[in-house]
């Protein structure tokens, strides 16, 4: 298995991200639009 080439620019939102993910309803497709609905609009949040 190859290592991923993406990495996080910042780790300050990791706790908020997982808390929002736990509280959210599962989407049909996990996408950038779903992240925006969870109020993670920064391009730095996309690798999450």
PDB file of N, CA and C in Angstrom:
ATOM      1  N   UNK A   1       0.846  -1.175   0.000  1.00  0.00           N
ATOM      2  CA  UNK A   1       0.000   0.000   0.000  1.00  0.00           C
ATOM      3  C   UNK A   1       0.890   1.238   0.000  1.00  0.00           C
ATOM      4  N   UNK A   2       0.647   2.123  -0.930  1.00  0.00           N
ATOM      5  CA  UNK A   2       1.453   3.333  -1.068  1.00  0.00           C
ATOM      6  C   UNK A   2       1.016   4.395  -0.060  1.00  0.00           C
ATOM      7  N   UNK A   3       1.954   5.212   0.331  1.00  0.00           N
ATOM      8  CA  UNK A   3       1.646   6.315   1.226  1.00  0.00           C
ATOM      9  C   UNK A   3       0.972   7.433   0.460  1.00  0.00           C
ATOM     10  N   UNK A   4       0.077   8.130   1.098  1.00  0.00           N
ATOM     11  CA  UNK A   4      -0.613   9.242   0.464  1.00  0.00           C
ATOM     12  C   UNK A   4       0.325  10.428   0.310  1.00  0.00           C
ATOM     13  N   UNK A   5       0.091  11.223  -0.696  1.00  0.00           N
ATOM     14  CA  UNK A   5       0.932  12.401  -0.916  1.00  0.00           C
ATOM     15  C   UNK A   5       0.296  13.660  -0.342  1.00  0.00           C
ATOM     16  N   UNK A   6      -0.904  13.556   0.213  1.00  0.00           N
ATOM     17  CA  UNK A   6      -1.552  14.726   0.800  1.00  0.00           C
ATOM     18  C   UNK A   6      -1.260  14.787   2.296  1.00  0.00           C
ATOM     19  N   UNK A   7      -1.265  15.976   2.811  1.00  0.00           N
ATOM     20  CA  UNK A   7      -1.001  16.185   4.231  1.00  0.00           C
ATOM     21  C   UNK A   7      -1.759  17.420   4.687  1.00  0.00           C
ATOM     22  N   UNK A   8      -1.871  17.588   5.987  1.00  0.00           N
ATOM     23  CA  UNK A   8      -2.603  18.719   6.552  1.00  0.00           C
ATOM     24  C   UNK A   8      -1.702  19.938   6.657  1.00  0.00           C
ATOM     25  N   UNK A   9      -2.221  21.080   6.237  1.00  0.00           N
ATOM     26  CA  UNK A   9      -1.505  22.339   6.385  1.00  0.00           C
ATOM     27  C   UNK A   9      -1.556  22.812   7.834  1.00  0.00           C
ATOM     28  N   UNK A  10      -2.675  22.551   8.474  1.00  0.00           N
ATOM     29  CA  UNK A  10      -2.866  22.951   9.865  1.00  0.00           C
ATOM     30  C   UNK A  10      -3.674  21.874  10.579  1.00  0.00           C
ATOM     31  N   UNK A  11      -3.467  21.743  11.869  1.00  0.00           N
ATOM     32  CA  UNK A  11      -4.191  20.718  12.637  1.00  0.00           C
ATOM     33  C   UNK A  11      -5.148  21.335  13.655  1.00  0.00           C
ATOM     34  N   UNK A  12      -5.368  22.634  13.583  1.00  0.00           N
ATOM     35  CA  UNK A  12      -6.188  23.295  14.597  1.00  0.00           C
ATOM     36  C   UNK A  12      -7.663  22.901  14.542  1.00  0.00           C
ATOM     37  N   UNK A  13      -8.143  22.405  13.402  1.00  0.00           N
ATOM     38  CA  UNK A  13      -9.563  22.080  13.252  1.00  0.00           C
ATOM     39  C   UNK A  13      -9.877  20.602  13.414  1.00  0.00           C
ATOM     40  N   UNK A  14      -8.915  19.793  13.758  1.00  0.00           N
ATOM     41  CA  UNK A  14      -9.152  18.344  13.802  1.00  0.00           C
ATOM     42  C   UNK A  14     -10.221  17.977  14.831  1.00  0.00           C
ATOM     43  N   UNK A  15     -10.148  18.507  16.042  1.00  0.00           N
ATOM     44  CA  UNK A  15     -11.165  18.193  17.062  1.00  0.00           C
ATOM     45  C   UNK A  15     -12.540  18.665  16.627  1.00  0.00           C
ATOM     46  N   UNK A  16     -12.629  19.886  16.119  1.00  0.00           N
ATOM     47  CA  UNK A  16     -13.915  20.415  15.647  1.00  0.00           C
ATOM     48  C   UNK A  16     -14.456  19.583  14.490  1.00  0.00           C
ATOM     49  N   UNK A  17     -13.566  19.150  13.610  1.00  0.00           N
ATOM     50  CA  UNK A  17     -13.975  18.359  12.460  1.00  0.00           C
ATOM     51  C   UNK A  17     -14.607  17.040  12.895  1.00  0.00           C
ATOM     52  N   UNK A  18     -13.934  16.310  13.778  1.00  0.00           N
ATOM     53  CA  UNK A  18     -14.478  15.024  14.213  1.00  0.00           C
ATOM     54  C   UNK A  18     -15.757  15.190  15.029  1.00  0.00           C
ATOM     55  N   UNK A  19     -15.851  16.231  15.829  1.00  0.00           N
ATOM     56  CA  UNK A  19     -17.089  16.484  16.571  1.00  0.00           C
ATOM     57  C   UNK A  19     -18.241  16.793  15.626  1.00  0.00           C
ATOM     58  N   UNK A  20     -17.992  17.593  14.595  1.00  0.00           N
ATOM     59  CA  UNK A  20     -19.027  17.914  13.611  1.00  0.00           C
ATOM     60  C   UNK A  20     -19.409  16.670  12.823  1.00  0.00           C
ATOM     61  N   UNK A  21     -18.444  15.835  12.501  1.00  0.00           N
ATOM     62  CA  UNK A  21     -18.697  14.618  11.744  1.00  0.00           C
ATOM     63  C   UNK A  21     -19.566  13.645  12.545  1.00  0.00           C
ATOM     64  N   UNK A  22     -19.295  13.540  13.825  1.00  0.00           N
ATOM     65  CA  UNK A  22     -20.078  12.652  14.690  1.00  0.00           C
ATOM     66  C   UNK A  22     -21.522  13.149  14.800  1.00  0.00           C
ATOM     67  N   UNK A  23     -21.704  14.461  14.884  1.00  0.00           N
ATOM     68  CA  UNK A  23     -23.035  15.042  15.059  1.00  0.00           C
ATOM     69  C   UNK A  23     -23.836  15.110  13.762  1.00  0.00           C
ATOM     70  N   UNK A  24     -23.167  15.054  12.620  1.00  0.00           N
ATOM     71  CA  UNK A  24     -23.843  15.221  11.327  1.00  0.00           C
ATOM     72  C   UNK A  24     -24.501  13.923  10.874  1.00  0.00           C
ATOM     73  N   UNK A  25     -25.491  14.089  10.018  1.00  0.00           N
ATOM     74  CA  UNK A  25     -26.129  12.952   9.370  1.00  0.00           C
ATOM     75  C   UNK A  25     -25.219  12.486   8.237  1.00  0.00           C
ATOM     76  N   UNK A  26     -25.105  11.203   8.051  1.00  0.00           N
ATOM     77  CA  UNK A  26     -24.234  10.655   7.010  1.00  0.00           C
ATOM     78  C   UNK A  26     -24.720  11.090   5.628  1.00  0.00           C
ATOM     79  N   UNK A  27     -23.838  11.655   4.819  1.00  0.00           N
ATOM     80  CA  UNK A  27     -24.239  12.082   3.473  1.00  0.00           C
ATOM     81  C   UNK A  27     -24.223  10.898   2.507  1.00  0.00           C
ATOM     82  N   UNK A  28     -24.918  11.068   1.377  1.00  0.00           N
ATOM     83  CA  UNK A  28     -24.852  10.039   0.343  1.00  0.00           C
ATOM     84  C   UNK A  28     -23.444   9.966  -0.235  1.00  0.00           C
ATOM     85  N   UNK A  29     -22.821  11.134  -0.338  1.00  0.00           N
ATOM     86  CA  UNK A  29     -21.466  11.215  -0.878  1.00  0.00           C
ATOM     87  C   UNK A  29     -20.686  12.239  -0.076  1.00  0.00           C
ATOM     88  N   UNK A  30     -19.508  11.851   0.389  1.00  0.00           N
ATOM     89  CA  UNK A  30     -18.659  12.759   1.147  1.00  0.00           C
ATOM     90  C   UNK A  30     -17.900  13.620   0.147  1.00  0.00           C
ATOM     91  N   UNK A  31     -18.176  14.925   0.145  1.00  0.00           N
ATOM     92  CA  UNK A  31     -17.578  15.815  -0.836  1.00  0.00           C
ATOM     93  C   UNK A  31     -17.200  17.143  -0.184  1.00  0.00           C
ATOM     94  N   UNK A  32     -16.622  18.029  -0.987  1.00  0.00           N
ATOM     95  CA  UNK A  32     -16.279  19.357  -0.495  1.00  0.00           C
ATOM     96  C   UNK A  32     -17.539  20.125  -0.107  1.00  0.00           C
ATOM     97  N   UNK A  33     -18.622  19.876  -0.814  1.00  0.00           N
ATOM     98  CA  UNK A  33     -19.890  20.528  -0.483  1.00  0.00           C
ATOM     99  C   UNK A  33     -20.353  20.124   0.920  1.00  0.00           C
ATOM    100  N   UNK A  34     -20.183  18.862   1.266  1.00  0.00           N
ATOM    101  CA  UNK A  34     -20.534  18.390   2.606  1.00  0.00           C
ATOM    102  C   UNK A  34     -19.665  19.083   3.649  1.00  0.00           C
ATOM    103  N   UNK A  35     -18.374  19.215   3.379  1.00  0.00           N
ATOM    104  CA  UNK A  35     -17.484  19.931   4.301  1.00  0.00           C
ATOM    105  C   UNK A  35     -17.928  21.374   4.484  1.00  0.00           C
ATOM    106  N   UNK A  36     -18.365  22.009   3.399  1.00  0.00           N
ATOM    107  CA  UNK A  36     -18.847  23.387   3.494  1.00  0.00           C
ATOM    108  C   UNK A  36     -20.111  23.467   4.345  1.00  0.00           C
ATOM    109  N   UNK A  37     -20.965  22.472   4.261  1.00  0.00           N
ATOM    110  CA  UNK A  37     -22.169  22.440   5.085  1.00  0.00           C
ATOM    111  C   UNK A  37     -21.815  22.312   6.559  1.00  0.00           C
ATOM    112  N   UNK A  38     -20.681  21.689   6.847  1.00  0.00           N
ATOM    113  CA  UNK A  38     -20.210  21.570   8.225  1.00  0.00           C
ATOM    114  C   UNK A  38     -19.391  22.783   8.645  1.00  0.00           C
ATOM    115  N   UNK A  39     -19.352  23.793   7.777  1.00  0.00           N
ATOM    116  CA  UNK A  39     -18.659  25.066   8.001  1.00  0.00           C
ATOM    117  C   UNK A  39     -17.138  24.937   7.974  1.00  0.00           C
ATOM    118  N   UNK A  40     -16.633  23.988   7.191  1.00  0.00           N
ATOM    119  CA  UNK A  40     -15.202  23.864   6.939  1.00  0.00           C
ATOM    120  C   UNK A  40     -14.967  24.313   5.503  1.00  0.00           C
ATOM    121  N   UNK A  41     -14.878  25.629   5.310  1.00  0.00           N
ATOM    122  CA  UNK A  41     -14.842  26.208   3.970  1.00  0.00           C
ATOM    123  C   UNK A  41     -13.431  26.474   3.459  1.00  0.00           C
ATOM    124  N   UNK A  42     -12.455  26.409   4.309  1.00  0.00           N
ATOM    125  CA  UNK A  42     -11.077  26.698   3.907  1.00  0.00           C
ATOM    126  C   UNK A  42     -10.518  25.573   3.045  1.00  0.00           C
ATOM    127  N   UNK A  43      -9.672  25.925   2.094  1.00  0.00           N
ATOM    128  CA  UNK A  43      -9.027  24.892   1.284  1.00  0.00           C
ATOM    129  C   UNK A  43      -8.089  24.038   2.134  1.00  0.00           C
ATOM    130  N   UNK A  44      -7.658  24.548   3.278  1.00  0.00           N
ATOM    131  CA  UNK A  44      -6.818  23.770   4.188  1.00  0.00           C
ATOM    132  C   UNK A  44      -7.593  22.654   4.878  1.00  0.00           C
ATOM    133  N   UNK A  45      -8.924  22.722   4.855  1.00  0.00           N
ATOM    134  CA  UNK A  45      -9.752  21.698   5.493  1.00  0.00           C
ATOM    135  C   UNK A  45     -10.022  20.522   4.548  1.00  0.00           C
ATOM    136  N   UNK A  46      -9.758  20.661   3.274  1.00  0.00           N
ATOM    137  CA  UNK A  46     -10.093  19.618   2.305  1.00  0.00           C
ATOM    138  C   UNK A  46      -9.385  18.302   2.553  1.00  0.00           C
ATOM    139  N   UNK A  47      -8.109  18.282   2.946  1.00  0.00           N
ATOM    140  CA  UNK A  47      -7.474  16.975   3.192  1.00  0.00           C
ATOM    141  C   UNK A  47      -8.081  16.201   4.356  1.00  0.00           C
ATOM    142  N   UNK A  48      -8.851  16.869   5.223  1.00  0.00           N
ATOM    143  CA  UNK A  48      -9.481  16.165   6.337  1.00  0.00           C
ATOM    144  C   UNK A  48     -10.399  15.094   5.816  1.00  0.00           C
TER     145      UNK A  48
END
